[in-house]
Amino acid sequence: MAMDEQNIIEKKINRDSERNQILELDTRGRVTIPSSLRSRYGIDPEDDKEYWIELSIDSIEVREPANRGDE
């Protein structure tokens, strides 16, 4: 076993209410993990750890600006 593999801890999310989230994409293509999940599972993006989140995408909703085409 490699040295790095000894420090990997996998936390499974079993609650459907936590697994099924609607996440908004920012202008740089990033999504924010809700603070309730971050605190429950000890995710702190400012610590020295590296986090990998498995994300399954079921659908994508695209919203056009309300005033588009009204010029």
Protein backbone atom coordinates (compact mmCIF):
# COMPACT_ATOMS: atom_id res chain seq x y z
CA MET A 1 0.00 0.00 0.00
CA ALA A 2 1.38 3.39 -0.98
CA MET A 3 1.97 6.00 1.71
CA ASP A 4 -0.68 8.39 0.31
CA GLU A 5 -3.39 5.71 0.34
CA GLN A 6 -3.12 5.30 4.11
CA ASN A 7 -4.47 8.80 4.65
CA ILE A 8 -7.58 8.52 2.50
CA ILE A 9 -10.91 8.49 4.35
CA GLU A 10 -14.10 7.94 2.34
CA LYS A 11 -17.35 9.23 3.80
CA LYS A 12 -20.52 7.84 2.22
CA ILE A 13 -23.61 10.04 2.06
CA ASN A 14 -26.67 7.87 2.55
CA ARG A 15 -29.50 10.36 3.09
CA ASP A 16 -31.39 11.13 -0.12
CA SER A 17 -32.02 14.67 1.11
CA GLU A 18 -28.25 15.22 1.28
CA ARG A 19 -27.42 13.28 -1.89
CA ASN A 20 -29.95 15.09 -4.06
CA GLN A 21 -29.00 18.75 -4.07
CA ILE A 22 -29.56 21.50 -6.60
CA LEU A 23 -26.22 23.25 -7.04
CA GLU A 24 -25.61 26.50 -8.91
CA LEU A 25 -22.62 26.88 -11.21
CA ASP A 26 -20.69 30.13 -10.79
CA THR A 27 -19.12 32.13 -13.63
CA ARG A 28 -15.87 30.17 -13.31
CA GLY A 29 -17.62 26.79 -13.62
CA ARG A 30 -17.49 25.89 -9.92
CA VAL A 31 -20.25 24.61 -7.67
CA THR A 32 -20.51 25.23 -3.94
CA ILE A 33 -21.17 22.33 -1.58
CA PRO A 34 -23.94 23.44 0.83
CA SER A 35 -22.66 24.51 4.26
CA SER A 36 -24.92 21.98 6.00
CA LEU A 37 -23.07 19.15 4.20
CA ARG A 38 -19.66 20.73 4.77
CA SER A 39 -20.22 20.97 8.52
CA ARG A 40 -21.87 17.53 8.87
CA TYR A 41 -19.02 15.75 7.08
CA GLY A 42 -16.14 17.91 8.28
CA ILE A 43 -15.33 19.49 4.92
CA ASP A 44 -13.22 22.62 5.41
CA PRO A 45 -11.83 23.96 2.13
CA GLU A 46 -9.36 26.14 4.03
CA ASP A 47 -7.56 23.27 5.81
CA ASP A 48 -4.54 21.51 4.31
CA LYS A 49 -6.57 18.53 3.08
CA GLU A 50 -7.49 17.79 -0.53
CA TYR A 51 -11.17 17.01 -1.12
CA TRP A 52 -12.66 15.07 -4.02
CA ILE A 53 -16.45 15.03 -4.34
CA GLU A 54 -18.24 12.51 -6.54
CA LEU A 55 -20.97 14.29 -8.43
CA SER A 56 -23.67 12.67 -10.57
CA ILE A 57 -25.53 15.00 -12.89
CA ASP A 58 -29.12 14.03 -13.70
CA SER A 59 -30.19 17.22 -15.45
CA ILE A 60 -29.11 20.76 -16.22
CA GLU A 61 -31.40 23.79 -16.11
CA VAL A 62 -30.32 26.86 -18.06
CA ARG A 63 -32.01 30.18 -17.29
CA GLU A 64 -31.86 33.04 -19.76
CA PRO A 65 -31.83 36.60 -18.41
CA ALA A 66 -35.39 37.97 -18.06
CA ASN A 67 -34.76 40.99 -20.31
CA ARG A 68 -33.19 39.09 -23.20
CA GLY A 69 -34.78 39.97 -26.53
CA ASP A 70 -36.73 42.93 -25.10
CA GLU A 71 -34.28 45.55 -26.41
